Amino acid sequence: MLEVLCVALAVYFESRGEPIEGQQAVASVVWNRRNDPRWPNHTCEVVAESGQFESWPLIRQQLPLSALGIPHNPAMRVALSAASYTAEEPTTKALFFAQPGLLKYKYLETIGNHDFYIP
């Protein structure tokens, strides 16, 4: 459950206010990295990596507050949904996202307020 909570908090702080597709795509990036051997194999470690998620200080502050009602939060529903993705992922296979034009990786698509990339 802690892995899903870390994804939910990343979704909340990185993409709240975006359409559901944008939130799902952010969640996908976290799970995609967790499943890629180049990154840690735990979502909390993925979002905690230096320089990767701007929201990590906010996420870290919220982790002890699991009594926040997070299970009923829309970000938690997105994180749980993303955790159950199978081979047919509904959004993207991206490993990075950023505001449009910020990264120099291979561009895949724009979803919500972010561009999505692979190395």
PDB file of N, CA and C in Angstrom:
ATOM      1  N   MET A   1       0.813  -1.201   0.000  1.00  0.00           N
ATOM      2  CA  MET A   1       0.000   0.000   0.000  1.00  0.00           C
ATOM      3  C   MET A   1       0.860   1.272   0.000  1.00  0.00           C
ATOM      4  N   LEU A   2       2.062   1.183   0.613  1.00  0.00           N
ATOM      5  CA  LEU A   2       2.946   2.339   0.638  1.00  0.00           C
ATOM      6  C   LEU A   2       3.372   2.740  -0.777  1.00  0.00           C
ATOM      7  N   GLU A   3       3.608   1.750  -1.643  1.00  0.00           N
ATOM      8  CA  GLU A   3       3.995   2.081  -3.021  1.00  0.00           C
ATOM      9  C   GLU A   3       2.890   2.869  -3.718  1.00  0.00           C
ATOM     10  N   VAL A   4       1.654   2.453  -3.524  1.00  0.00           N
ATOM     11  CA  VAL A   4       0.530   3.153  -4.154  1.00  0.00           C
ATOM     12  C   VAL A   4       0.390   4.552  -3.559  1.00  0.00           C
ATOM     13  N   LEU A   5       0.602   4.681  -2.266  1.00  0.00           N
ATOM     14  CA  LEU A   5       0.524   5.993  -1.626  1.00  0.00           C
ATOM     15  C   LEU A   5       1.572   6.932  -2.218  1.00  0.00           C
ATOM     16  N   CYS A   6       2.799   6.456  -2.434  1.00  0.00           N
ATOM     17  CA  CYS A   6       3.838   7.306  -3.032  1.00  0.00           C
ATOM     18  C   CYS A   6       3.444   7.752  -4.434  1.00  0.00           C
ATOM     19  N   VAL A   7       2.858   6.858  -5.204  1.00  0.00           N
ATOM     20  CA  VAL A   7       2.391   7.226  -6.545  1.00  0.00           C
ATOM     21  C   VAL A   7       1.258   8.241  -6.444  1.00  0.00           C
ATOM     22  N   ALA A   8       0.328   8.002  -5.535  1.00  0.00           N
ATOM     23  CA  ALA A   8      -0.802   8.928  -5.376  1.00  0.00           C
ATOM     24  C   ALA A   8      -0.325  10.326  -5.019  1.00  0.00           C
ATOM     25  N   LEU A   9       0.637  10.410  -4.123  1.00  0.00           N
ATOM     26  CA  LEU A   9       1.155  11.720  -3.738  1.00  0.00           C
ATOM     27  C   LEU A   9       1.906  12.375  -4.898  1.00  0.00           C
ATOM     28  N   ALA A  10       2.644  11.592  -5.680  1.00  0.00           N
ATOM     29  CA  ALA A  10       3.313  12.147  -6.862  1.00  0.00           C
ATOM     30  C   ALA A  10       2.277  12.666  -7.857  1.00  0.00           C
ATOM     31  N   VAL A  11       1.217  11.899  -8.071  1.00  0.00           N
ATOM     32  CA  VAL A  11       0.146  12.335  -8.971  1.00  0.00           C
ATOM     33  C   VAL A  11      -0.470  13.625  -8.453  1.00  0.00           C
ATOM     34  N   TYR A  12      -0.762  13.665  -7.174  1.00  0.00           N
ATOM     35  CA  TYR A  12      -1.392  14.845  -6.595  1.00  0.00           C
ATOM     36  C   TYR A  12      -0.510  16.081  -6.759  1.00  0.00           C
ATOM     37  N   PHE A  13       0.744  15.976  -6.367  1.00  0.00           N
ATOM     38  CA  PHE A  13       1.604  17.160  -6.389  1.00  0.00           C
ATOM     39  C   PHE A  13       2.137  17.507  -7.773  1.00  0.00           C
ATOM     40  N   GLU A  14       2.220  16.545  -8.675  1.00  0.00           N
ATOM     41  CA  GLU A  14       2.751  16.821 -10.009  1.00  0.00           C
ATOM     42  C   GLU A  14       1.654  17.153 -11.027  1.00  0.00           C
ATOM     43  N   SER A  15       0.431  16.664 -10.800  1.00  0.00           N
ATOM     44  CA  SER A  15      -0.563  16.826 -11.867  1.00  0.00           C
ATOM     45  C   SER A  15      -1.984  17.113 -11.397  1.00  0.00           C
ATOM     46  N   ARG A  16      -2.165  17.487 -10.146  1.00  0.00           N
ATOM     47  CA  ARG A  16      -3.529  17.824  -9.715  1.00  0.00           C
ATOM     48  C   ARG A  16      -4.033  18.981 -10.568  1.00  0.00           C
ATOM     49  N   GLY A  17      -5.283  18.979 -10.842  1.00  0.00           N
ATOM     50  CA  GLY A  17      -5.860  20.029 -11.674  1.00  0.00           C
ATOM     51  C   GLY A  17      -5.790  19.718 -13.160  1.00  0.00           C
ATOM     52  N   GLU A  18      -5.091  18.654 -13.532  1.00  0.00           N
ATOM     53  CA  GLU A  18      -5.026  18.252 -14.931  1.00  0.00           C
ATOM     54  C   GLU A  18      -6.178  17.296 -15.233  1.00  0.00           C
ATOM     55  N   PRO A  19      -6.460  17.094 -16.509  1.00  0.00           N
ATOM     56  CA  PRO A  19      -7.447  16.064 -16.866  1.00  0.00           C
ATOM     57  C   PRO A  19      -6.966  14.695 -16.368  1.00  0.00           C
ATOM     58  N   ILE A  20      -7.888  13.784 -16.204  1.00  0.00           N
ATOM     59  CA  ILE A  20      -7.561  12.450 -15.685  1.00  0.00           C
ATOM     60  C   ILE A  20      -6.470  11.785 -16.516  1.00  0.00           C
ATOM     61  N   GLU A  21      -6.454  12.006 -17.833  1.00  0.00           N
ATOM     62  CA  GLU A  21      -5.437  11.396 -18.694  1.00  0.00           C
ATOM     63  C   GLU A  21      -4.040  11.875 -18.298  1.00  0.00           C
ATOM     64  N   GLY A  22      -3.911  13.151 -17.952  1.00  0.00           N
ATOM     65  CA  GLY A  22      -2.624  13.675 -17.514  1.00  0.00           C
ATOM     66  C   GLY A  22      -2.186  13.070 -16.201  1.00  0.00           C
ATOM     67  N   GLN A  23      -3.121  12.894 -15.283  1.00  0.00           N
ATOM     68  CA  GLN A  23      -2.806  12.279 -13.997  1.00  0.00           C
ATOM     69  C   GLN A  23      -2.404  10.819 -14.187  1.00  0.00           C
ATOM     70  N   GLN A  24      -3.114  10.106 -15.055  1.00  0.00           N
ATOM     71  CA  GLN A  24      -2.786   8.707 -15.327  1.00  0.00           C
ATOM     72  C   GLN A  24      -1.398   8.590 -15.948  1.00  0.00           C
ATOM     73  N   ALA A  25      -1.059   9.518 -16.822  1.00  0.00           N
ATOM     74  CA  ALA A  25       0.251   9.472 -17.469  1.00  0.00           C
ATOM     75  C   ALA A  25       1.377   9.708 -16.467  1.00  0.00           C
ATOM     76  N   VAL A  26       1.181  10.607 -15.515  1.00  0.00           N
ATOM     77  CA  VAL A  26       2.180  10.840 -14.473  1.00  0.00           C
ATOM     78  C   VAL A  26       2.334   9.567 -13.630  1.00  0.00           C
ATOM     79  N   ALA A  27       1.230   8.957 -13.256  1.00  0.00           N
ATOM     80  CA  ALA A  27       1.298   7.700 -12.502  1.00  0.00           C
ATOM     81  C   ALA A  27       2.028   6.628 -13.307  1.00  0.00           C
ATOM     82  N   SER A  28       1.786   6.583 -14.604  1.00  0.00           N
ATOM     83  CA  SER A  28       2.454   5.604 -15.459  1.00  0.00           C
ATOM     84  C   SER A  28       3.961   5.763 -15.424  1.00  0.00           C
ATOM     85  N   VAL A  29       4.433   7.002 -15.451  1.00  0.00           N
ATOM     86  CA  VAL A  29       5.879   7.231 -15.430  1.00  0.00           C
ATOM     87  C   VAL A  29       6.488   6.643 -14.159  1.00  0.00           C
ATOM     88  N   VAL A  30       5.835   6.845 -13.032  1.00  0.00           N
ATOM     89  CA  VAL A  30       6.382   6.311 -11.776  1.00  0.00           C
ATOM     90  C   VAL A  30       6.427   4.787 -11.827  1.00  0.00           C
ATOM     91  N   TRP A  31       5.332   4.150 -12.240  1.00  0.00           N
ATOM     92  CA  TRP A  31       5.311   2.681 -12.302  1.00  0.00           C
ATOM     93  C   TRP A  31       6.258   2.163 -13.375  1.00  0.00           C
ATOM     94  N   ASN A  32       6.338   2.854 -14.519  1.00  0.00           N
ATOM     95  CA  ASN A  32       7.264   2.421 -15.572  1.00  0.00           C
ATOM     96  C   ASN A  32       8.698   2.426 -15.068  1.00  0.00           C
ATOM     97  N   ARG A  33       9.060   3.465 -14.338  1.00  0.00           N
ATOM     98  CA  ARG A  33      10.416   3.517 -13.786  1.00  0.00           C
ATOM     99  C   ARG A  33      10.629   2.409 -12.766  1.00  0.00           C
ATOM    100  N   ARG A  34       9.658   2.193 -11.909  1.00  0.00           N
ATOM    101  CA  ARG A  34       9.775   1.136 -10.896  1.00  0.00           C
ATOM    102  C   ARG A  34      10.030  -0.209 -11.554  1.00  0.00           C
ATOM    103  N   ASN A  35       9.443  -0.428 -12.712  1.00  0.00           N
ATOM    104  CA  ASN A  35       9.572  -1.702 -13.413  1.00  0.00           C
ATOM    105  C   ASN A  35      10.767  -1.756 -14.357  1.00  0.00           C
ATOM    106  N   ASP A  36      11.518  -0.684 -14.475  1.00  0.00           N
ATOM    107  CA  ASP A  36      12.683  -0.607 -15.356  1.00  0.00           C
ATOM    108  C   ASP A  36      13.940  -0.821 -14.505  1.00  0.00           C
ATOM    109  N   PRO A  37      14.863  -1.695 -14.944  1.00  0.00           N
ATOM    110  CA  PRO A  37      16.036  -1.991 -14.114  1.00  0.00           C
ATOM    111  C   PRO A  37      16.983  -0.808 -13.889  1.00  0.00           C
ATOM    112  N   ARG A  38      16.816   0.285 -14.619  1.00  0.00           N
ATOM    113  CA  ARG A  38      17.683   1.451 -14.430  1.00  0.00           C
ATOM    114  C   ARG A  38      17.288   2.288 -13.215  1.00  0.00           C
ATOM    115  N   TRP A  39      16.130   2.012 -12.635  1.00  0.00           N
ATOM    116  CA  TRP A  39      15.643   2.780 -11.484  1.00  0.00           C
ATOM    117  C   TRP A  39      15.384   1.848 -10.315  1.00  0.00           C
ATOM    118  N   PRO A  40      15.202   2.428  -9.129  1.00  0.00           N
ATOM    119  CA  PRO A  40      14.892   1.591  -7.954  1.00  0.00           C
ATOM    120  C   PRO A  40      13.607   0.793  -8.175  1.00  0.00           C
ATOM    121  N   ASN A  41      13.480  -0.300  -7.444  1.00  0.00           N
ATOM    122  CA  ASN A  41      12.301  -1.156  -7.638  1.00  0.00           C
ATOM    123  C   ASN A  41      11.208  -0.894  -6.603  1.00  0.00           C
ATOM    124  N   HIS A  42      11.153   0.319  -6.080  1.00  0.00           N
ATOM    125  CA  HIS A  42      10.077   0.728  -5.171  1.00  0.00           C
ATOM    126  C   HIS A  42       9.668   2.147  -5.558  1.00  0.00           C
ATOM    127  N   THR A  43       8.375   2.384  -5.658  1.00  0.00           N
ATOM    128  CA  THR A  43       7.905   3.694  -6.141  1.00  0.00           C
ATOM    129  C   THR A  43       8.358   4.841  -5.251  1.00  0.00           C
ATOM    130  N   CYS A  44       8.437   4.618  -3.944  1.00  0.00           N
ATOM    131  CA  CYS A  44       8.878   5.703  -3.058  1.00  0.00           C
ATOM    132  C   CYS A  44      10.328   6.073  -3.352  1.00  0.00           C
ATOM    133  N   GLU A  45      11.157   5.087  -3.657  1.00  0.00           N
ATOM    134  CA  GLU A  45      12.543   5.363  -4.016  1.00  0.00           C
ATOM    135  C   GLU A  45      12.621   6.053  -5.376  1.00  0.00           C
ATOM    136  N   VAL A  46      11.732   5.688  -6.285  1.00  0.00           N
ATOM    137  CA  VAL A  46      11.694   6.335  -7.601  1.00  0.00           C
ATOM    138  C   VAL A  46      11.394   7.823  -7.452  1.00  0.00           C
ATOM    139  N   VAL A  47      10.368   8.169  -6.700  1.00  0.00           N
ATOM    140  CA  VAL A  47      10.005   9.586  -6.574  1.00  0.00           C
ATOM    141  C   VAL A  47      10.990  10.348  -5.694  1.00  0.00           C
ATOM    142  N   ALA A  48      11.769   9.626  -4.874  1.00  0.00           N
ATOM    143  CA  ALA A  48      12.738  10.275  -4.001  1.00  0.00           C
ATOM    144  C   ALA A  48      14.078  10.543  -4.685  1.00  0.00           C
ATOM    145  N   GLU A  49      14.295   9.998  -5.873  1.00  0.00           N
ATOM    146  CA  GLU A  49      15.585  10.193  -6.536  1.00  0.00           C
ATOM    147  C   GLU A  49      15.862  11.668  -6.770  1.00  0.00           C
ATOM    148  N   SER A  50      17.062  12.047  -6.475  1.00  0.00           N
ATOM    149  CA  SER A  50      17.478  13.444  -6.577  1.00  0.00           C
ATOM    150  C   SER A  50      17.258  14.007  -7.984  1.00  0.00           C
ATOM    151  N   GLY A  51      16.602  15.147  -8.034  1.00  0.00           N
ATOM    152  CA  GLY A  51      16.406  15.854  -9.290  1.00  0.00           C
ATOM    153  C   GLY A  51      15.349  15.290 -10.219  1.00  0.00           C
ATOM    154  N   GLN A  52      14.583  14.299  -9.767  1.00  0.00           N
ATOM    155  CA  GLN A  52      13.628  13.654 -10.662  1.00  0.00           C
ATOM    156  C   GLN A  52      12.200  14.163 -10.498  1.00  0.00           C
ATOM    157  N   PHE A  53      11.732  14.320  -9.279  1.00  0.00           N
ATOM    158  CA  PHE A  53      10.382  14.787  -9.027  1.00  0.00           C
ATOM    159  C   PHE A  53      10.465  16.031  -8.157  1.00  0.00           C
ATOM    160  N   GLU A  54      10.080  17.153  -8.716  1.00  0.00           N
ATOM    161  CA  GLU A  54      10.143  18.414  -7.973  1.00  0.00           C
ATOM    162  C   GLU A  54       9.353  18.362  -6.682  1.00  0.00           C
ATOM    163  N   SER A  55       8.336  17.539  -6.663  1.00  0.00           N
ATOM    164  CA  SER A  55       7.437  17.495  -5.515  1.00  0.00           C
ATOM    165  C   SER A  55       7.933  16.610  -4.385  1.00  0.00           C
ATOM    166  N   TRP A  56       9.114  15.972  -4.490  1.00  0.00           N
ATOM    167  CA  TRP A  56       9.550  15.044  -3.457  1.00  0.00           C
ATOM    168  C   TRP A  56       9.519  15.639  -2.054  1.00  0.00           C
ATOM    169  N   PRO A  57       9.970  16.870  -1.818  1.00  0.00           N
ATOM    170  CA  PRO A  57       9.879  17.396  -0.445  1.00  0.00           C
ATOM    171  C   PRO A  57       8.443  17.408   0.082  1.00  0.00           C
ATOM    172  N   LEU A  58       7.485  17.717  -0.762  1.00  0.00           N
ATOM    173  CA  LEU A  58       6.081  17.711  -0.335  1.00  0.00           C
ATOM    174  C   LEU A  58       5.575  16.290  -0.118  1.00  0.00           C
ATOM    175  N   ILE A  59       5.977  15.383  -0.995  1.00  0.00           N
ATOM    176  CA  ILE A  59       5.581  13.974  -0.855  1.00  0.00           C
ATOM    177  C   ILE A  59       6.112  13.430   0.465  1.00  0.00           C
ATOM    178  N   ARG A  60       7.387  13.676   0.743  1.00  0.00           N
ATOM    179  CA  ARG A  60       8.021  13.173   1.966  1.00  0.00           C
ATOM    180  C   ARG A  60       7.292  13.684   3.209  1.00  0.00           C
ATOM    181  N   GLN A  61       6.855  14.925   3.182  1.00  0.00           N
ATOM    182  CA  GLN A  61       6.127  15.488   4.332  1.00  0.00           C
ATOM    183  C   GLN A  61       4.782  14.809   4.532  1.00  0.00           C
ATOM    184  N   GLN A  62       4.159  14.369   3.446  1.00  0.00           N
ATOM    185  CA  GLN A  62       2.820  13.788   3.542  1.00  0.00           C
ATOM    186  C   GLN A  62       2.812  12.304   3.869  1.00  0.00           C
ATOM    187  N   LEU A  63       3.913  11.596   3.614  1.00  0.00           N
ATOM    188  CA  LEU A  63       3.922  10.148   3.831  1.00  0.00           C
ATOM    189  C   LEU A  63       3.500   9.738   5.234  1.00  0.00           C
ATOM    190  N   PRO A  64       3.952  10.405   6.287  1.00  0.00           N
ATOM    191  CA  PRO A  64       3.514   9.983   7.623  1.00  0.00           C
ATOM    192  C   PRO A  64       2.039  10.274   7.907  1.00  0.00           C
ATOM    193  N   LEU A  65       1.421  11.051   7.053  1.00  0.00           N
ATOM    194  CA  LEU A  65       0.038  11.464   7.316  1.00  0.00           C
ATOM    195  C   LEU A  65      -0.962  10.604   6.553  1.00  0.00           C
ATOM    196  N   SER A  66      -0.775   9.312   6.589  1.00  0.00           N
ATOM    197  CA  SER A  66      -1.639   8.438   5.807  1.00  0.00           C
ATOM    198  C   SER A  66      -3.090   8.481   6.266  1.00  0.00           C
ATOM    199  N   ALA A  67      -3.367   9.102   7.394  1.00  0.00           N
ATOM    200  CA  ALA A  67      -4.745   9.237   7.859  1.00  0.00           C
ATOM    201  C   ALA A  67      -5.426  10.437   7.213  1.00  0.00           C
ATOM    202  N   LEU A  68      -4.835  10.969   6.154  1.00  0.00           N
ATOM    203  CA  LEU A  68      -5.370  12.143   5.466  1.00  0.00           C
ATOM    204  C   LEU A  68      -6.669  11.882   4.715  1.00  0.00           C
ATOM    205  N   GLY A  69      -7.079  10.631   4.646  1.00  0.00           N
ATOM    206  CA  GLY A  69      -8.214  10.329   3.785  1.00  0.00           C
ATOM    207  C   GLY A  69      -7.746  10.062   2.369  1.00  0.00           C
ATOM    208  N   ILE A  70      -6.461   9.779   2.203  1.00  0.00           N
ATOM    209  CA  ILE A  70      -5.897   9.538   0.879  1.00  0.00           C
ATOM    210  C   ILE A  70      -6.642   8.430   0.129  1.00  0.00           C
ATOM    211  N   PRO A  71      -7.100   7.358   0.788  1.00  0.00           N
ATOM    212  CA  PRO A  71      -7.780   6.316   0.016  1.00  0.00           C
ATOM    213  C   PRO A  71      -9.000   6.831  -0.751  1.00  0.00           C
ATOM    214  N   HIS A  72      -9.577   7.938  -0.306  1.00  0.00           N
ATOM    215  CA  HIS A  72     -10.744   8.473  -0.986  1.00  0.00           C
ATOM    216  C   HIS A  72     -10.381   9.628  -1.913  1.00  0.00           C
ATOM    217  N   ASN A  73      -9.114   9.958  -1.970  1.00  0.00           N
ATOM    218  CA  ASN A  73      -8.622  11.048  -2.794  1.00  0.00           C
ATOM    219  C   ASN A  73      -8.572  10.590  -4.258  1.00  0.00           C
ATOM    220  N   PRO A  74      -8.958  11.437  -5.213  1.00  0.00           N
ATOM    221  CA  PRO A  74      -8.882  11.049  -6.628  1.00  0.00           C
ATOM    222  C   PRO A  74      -7.484  10.609  -7.053  1.00  0.00           C
ATOM    223  N   ALA A  75      -6.436  11.193  -6.499  1.00  0.00           N
ATOM    224  CA  ALA A  75      -5.074  10.791  -6.845  1.00  0.00           C
ATOM    225  C   ALA A  75      -4.808   9.346  -6.442  1.00  0.00           C
ATOM    226  N   MET A  76      -5.379   8.907  -5.322  1.00  0.00           N
ATOM    227  CA  MET A  76      -5.215   7.518  -4.905  1.00  0.00           C
ATOM    228  C   MET A  76      -5.909   6.580  -5.880  1.00  0.00           C
ATOM    229  N   ARG A  77      -7.085   6.971  -6.355  1.00  0.00           N
ATOM    230  CA  ARG A  77      -7.778   6.135  -7.349  1.00  0.00           C
ATOM    231  C   ARG A  77      -6.942   6.017  -8.622  1.00  0.00           C
ATOM    232  N   VAL A  78      -6.326   7.114  -9.056  1.00  0.00           N
ATOM    233  CA  VAL A  78      -5.464   7.087 -10.243  1.00  0.00           C
ATOM    234  C   VAL A  78      -4.267   6.168  -9.992  1.00  0.00           C
ATOM    235  N   ALA A  79      -3.641   6.280  -8.825  1.00  0.00           N
ATOM    236  CA  ALA A  79      -2.480   5.450  -8.500  1.00  0.00           C
ATOM    237  C   ALA A  79      -2.842   3.973  -8.455  1.00  0.00           C
ATOM    238  N   LEU A  80      -3.976   3.646  -7.853  1.00  0.00           N
ATOM    239  CA  LEU A  80      -4.420   2.250  -7.808  1.00  0.00           C
ATOM    240  C   LEU A  80      -4.707   1.721  -9.201  1.00  0.00           C
ATOM    241  N   SER A  81      -5.333   2.534 -10.018  1.00  0.00           N
ATOM    242  CA  SER A  81      -5.616   2.139 -11.389  1.00  0.00           C
ATOM    243  C   SER A  81      -4.318   1.892 -12.150  1.00  0.00           C
ATOM    244  N   ALA A  82      -3.347   2.794 -11.997  1.00  0.00           N
ATOM    245  CA  ALA A  82      -2.071   2.649 -12.695  1.00  0.00           C
ATOM    246  C   ALA A  82      -1.318   1.410 -12.217  1.00  0.00           C
ATOM    247  N   ALA A  83      -1.467   1.054 -10.964  1.00  0.00           N
ATOM    248  CA  ALA A  83      -0.795  -0.131 -10.430  1.00  0.00           C
ATOM    249  C   ALA A  83      -1.295  -1.399 -11.090  1.00  0.00           C
ATOM    250  N   SER A  84      -2.499  -1.371 -11.616  1.00  0.00           N
ATOM    251  CA  SER A  84      -3.085  -2.567 -12.210  1.00  0.00           C
ATOM    252  C   SER A  84      -2.934  -2.616 -13.728  1.00  0.00           C
ATOM    253  N   TYR A  85      -2.169  -1.679 -14.321  1.00  0.00           N
ATOM    254  CA  TYR A  85      -1.972  -1.711 -15.767  1.00  0.00           C
ATOM    255  C   TYR A  85      -1.349  -3.047 -16.173  1.00  0.00           C
ATOM    256  N   THR A  86      -1.795  -3.542 -17.291  1.00  0.00           N
ATOM    257  CA  THR A  86      -1.216  -4.770 -17.826  1.00  0.00           C
ATOM    258  C   THR A  86      -0.387  -4.403 -19.050  1.00  0.00           C
ATOM    259  N   ALA A  87      -0.192  -5.328 -19.957  1.00  0.00           N
ATOM    260  CA  ALA A  87       0.629  -5.065 -21.148  1.00  0.00           C
ATOM    261  C   ALA A  87       0.054  -3.922 -21.986  1.00  0.00           C
ATOM    262  N   GLU A  88      -1.226  -3.723 -21.927  1.00  0.00           N
ATOM    263  CA  GLU A  88      -1.891  -2.659 -22.694  1.00  0.00           C
ATOM    264  C   GLU A  88      -2.085  -1.444 -21.808  1.00  0.00           C
ATOM    265  N   GLU A  89      -1.050  -0.654 -21.678  1.00  0.00           N
ATOM    266  CA  GLU A  89      -1.109   0.540 -20.835  1.00  0.00           C
ATOM    267  C   GLU A  89      -1.953   1.608 -21.526  1.00  0.00           C
ATOM    268  N   PRO A  90      -2.862   2.241 -20.800  1.00  0.00           N
ATOM    269  CA  PRO A  90      -3.793   3.168 -21.448  1.00  0.00           C
ATOM    270  C   PRO A  90      -3.200   4.515 -21.840  1.00  0.00           C
ATOM    271  N   THR A  91      -2.027   4.864 -21.357  1.00  0.00           N
ATOM    272  CA  THR A  91      -1.524   6.203 -21.653  1.00  0.00           C
ATOM    273  C   THR A  91      -0.211   6.183 -22.417  1.00  0.00           C
ATOM    274  N   THR A  92       0.869   5.800 -21.783  1.00  0.00           N
ATOM    275  CA  THR A  92       2.191   5.962 -22.386  1.00  0.00           C
ATOM    276  C   THR A  92       3.198   5.009 -21.759  1.00  0.00           C
ATOM    277  N   LYS A  93       4.261   4.731 -22.463  1.00  0.00           N
ATOM    278  CA  LYS A  93       5.368   3.923 -21.924  1.00  0.00           C
ATOM    279  C   LYS A  93       6.516   4.840 -21.491  1.00  0.00           C
ATOM    280  N   ALA A  94       6.227   6.085 -21.290  1.00  0.00           N
ATOM    281  CA  ALA A  94       7.246   7.089 -20.980  1.00  0.00           C
ATOM    282  C   ALA A  94       7.951   6.805 -19.660  1.00  0.00           C
ATOM    283  N   LEU A  95       9.191   7.275 -19.585  1.00  0.00           N
ATOM    284  CA  LEU A  95       9.976   7.200 -18.365  1.00  0.00           C
ATOM    285  C   LEU A  95      10.266   8.575 -17.794  1.00  0.00           C
ATOM    286  N   PHE A  96       9.917   9.616 -18.540  1.00  0.00           N
ATOM    287  CA  PHE A  96      10.133  10.994 -18.102  1.00  0.00           C
ATOM    288  C   PHE A  96       8.936  11.840 -18.496  1.00  0.00           C
ATOM    289  N   PHE A  97       8.693  12.891 -17.733  1.00  0.00           N
ATOM    290  CA  PHE A  97       7.723  13.908 -18.129  1.00  0.00           C
ATOM    291  C   PHE A  97       8.242  15.247 -17.668  1.00  0.00           C
ATOM    292  N   ALA A  98       7.804  16.284 -18.349  1.00  0.00           N
ATOM    293  CA  ALA A  98       8.230  17.643 -17.994  1.00  0.00           C
ATOM    294  C   ALA A  98       7.266  18.623 -18.629  1.00  0.00           C
ATOM    295  N   GLN A  99       7.381  19.868 -18.220  1.00  0.00           N
ATOM    296  CA  GLN A  99       6.636  20.921 -18.908  1.00  0.00           C
ATOM    297  C   GLN A  99       7.095  20.916 -20.365  1.00  0.00           C
ATOM    298  N   PRO A 100       6.250  21.264 -21.307  1.00  0.00           N
ATOM    299  CA  PRO A 100       6.620  21.193 -22.721  1.00  0.00           C
ATOM    300  C   PRO A 100       7.954  21.864 -23.027  1.00  0.00           C
ATOM    301  N   GLY A 101       8.776  21.126 -23.782  1.00  0.00           N
ATOM    302  CA  GLY A 101      10.030  21.658 -24.282  1.00  0.00           C
ATOM    303  C   GLY A 101      11.219  21.617 -23.348  1.00  0.00           C
ATOM    304  N   LEU A 102      11.091  21.061 -22.135  1.00  0.00           N
ATOM    305  CA  LEU A 102      12.189  21.116 -21.172  1.00  0.00           C
ATOM    306  C   LEU A 102      13.210  19.989 -21.293  1.00  0.00           C
ATOM    307  N   LEU A 103      12.824  18.844 -21.809  1.00  0.00           N
ATOM    308  CA  LEU A 103      13.752  17.716 -21.867  1.00  0.00           C
ATOM    309  C   LEU A 103      14.212  17.456 -23.297  1.00  0.00           C
ATOM    310  N   LYS A 104      15.389  16.873 -23.413  1.00  0.00           N
ATOM    311  CA  LYS A 104      15.975  16.582 -24.723  1.00  0.00           C
ATOM    312  C   LYS A 104      15.967  15.090 -25.029  1.00  0.00           C
ATOM    313  N   TYR A 105      15.025  14.356 -24.474  1.00  0.00           N
ATOM    314  CA  TYR A 105      14.891  12.934 -24.770  1.00  0.00           C
ATOM    315  C   TYR A 105      13.968  12.761 -25.967  1.00  0.00           C
ATOM    316  N   LYS A 106      13.708  11.502 -26.317  1.00  0.00           N
ATOM    317  CA  LYS A 106      12.813  11.226 -27.437  1.00  0.00           C
ATOM    318  C   LYS A 106      11.370  11.522 -27.012  1.00  0.00           C
ATOM    319  N   TYR A 107      10.784  12.493 -27.685  1.00  0.00           N
ATOM    320  CA  TYR A 107       9.407  12.910 -27.386  1.00  0.00           C
ATOM    321  C   TYR A 107       8.433  11.825 -27.812  1.00  0.00           C
ATOM    322  N   LEU A 108       7.474  11.519 -26.951  1.00  0.00           N
ATOM    323  CA  LEU A 108       6.420  10.557 -27.279  1.00  0.00           C
ATOM    324  C   LEU A 108       5.089  11.247 -27.543  1.00  0.00           C
ATOM    325  N   GLU A 109       4.667  12.091 -26.602  1.00  0.00           N
ATOM    326  CA  GLU A 109       3.348  12.695 -26.704  1.00  0.00           C
ATOM    327  C   GLU A 109       3.165  13.758 -25.629  1.00  0.00           C
ATOM    328  N   THR A 110       2.136  14.552 -25.788  1.00  0.00           N
ATOM    329  CA  THR A 110       1.734  15.511 -24.768  1.00  0.00           C
ATOM    330  C   THR A 110       0.404  15.044 -24.207  1.00  0.00           C
ATOM    331  N   ILE A 111       0.337  14.967 -22.898  1.00  0.00           N
ATOM    332  CA  ILE A 111      -0.901  14.593 -22.208  1.00  0.00           C
ATOM    333  C   ILE A 111      -1.072  15.588 -21.078  1.00  0.00           C
ATOM    334  N   GLY A 112      -2.215  16.221 -21.029  1.00  0.00           N
ATOM    335  CA  GLY A 112      -2.434  17.229 -19.998  1.00  0.00           C
ATOM    336  C   GLY A 112      -1.441  18.358 -20.177  1.00  0.00           C
ATOM    337  N   ASN A 113      -0.772  18.730 -19.088  1.00  0.00           N
ATOM    338  CA  ASN A 113       0.182  19.832 -19.117  1.00  0.00           C
ATOM    339  C   ASN A 113       1.631  19.398 -19.258  1.00  0.00           C
ATOM    340  N   HIS A 114       1.873  18.132 -19.589  1.00  0.00           N
ATOM    341  CA  HIS A 114       3.241  17.615 -19.648  1.00  0.00           C
ATOM    342  C   HIS A 114       3.531  16.964 -20.995  1.00  0.00           C
ATOM    343  N   ASP A 115       4.798  17.033 -21.390  1.00  0.00           N
ATOM    344  CA  ASP A 115       5.307  16.219 -22.495  1.00  0.00           C
ATOM    345  C   ASP A 115       5.894  14.961 -21.886  1.00  0.00           C
ATOM    346  N   PHE A 116       5.781  13.840 -22.608  1.00  0.00           N
ATOM    347  CA  PHE A 116       6.278  12.565 -22.131  1.00  0.00           C
ATOM    348  C   PHE A 116       7.358  12.052 -23.069  1.00  0.00           C
ATOM    349  N   TYR A 117       8.406  11.436 -22.460  1.00  0.00           N
ATOM    350  CA  TYR A 117       9.612  11.078 -23.192  1.00  0.00           C
ATOM    351  C   TYR A 117      10.127   9.689 -22.779  1.00  0.00           C
ATOM    352  N   ILE A 118      11.004   9.173 -23.654  1.00  0.00           N
ATOM    353  CA  ILE A 118      11.830   8.008 -23.305  1.00  0.00           C
ATOM    354  C   ILE A 118      13.276   8.401 -23.585  1.00  0.00           C
ATOM    355  N   PRO A 119      14.235   7.742 -22.921  1.00  0.00           N
ATOM    356  CA  PRO A 119      15.648   8.109 -23.160  1.00  0.00           C
ATOM    357  C   PRO A 119      16.093   7.745 -24.578  1.00  0.00           C
TER     358      PRO A 119
END
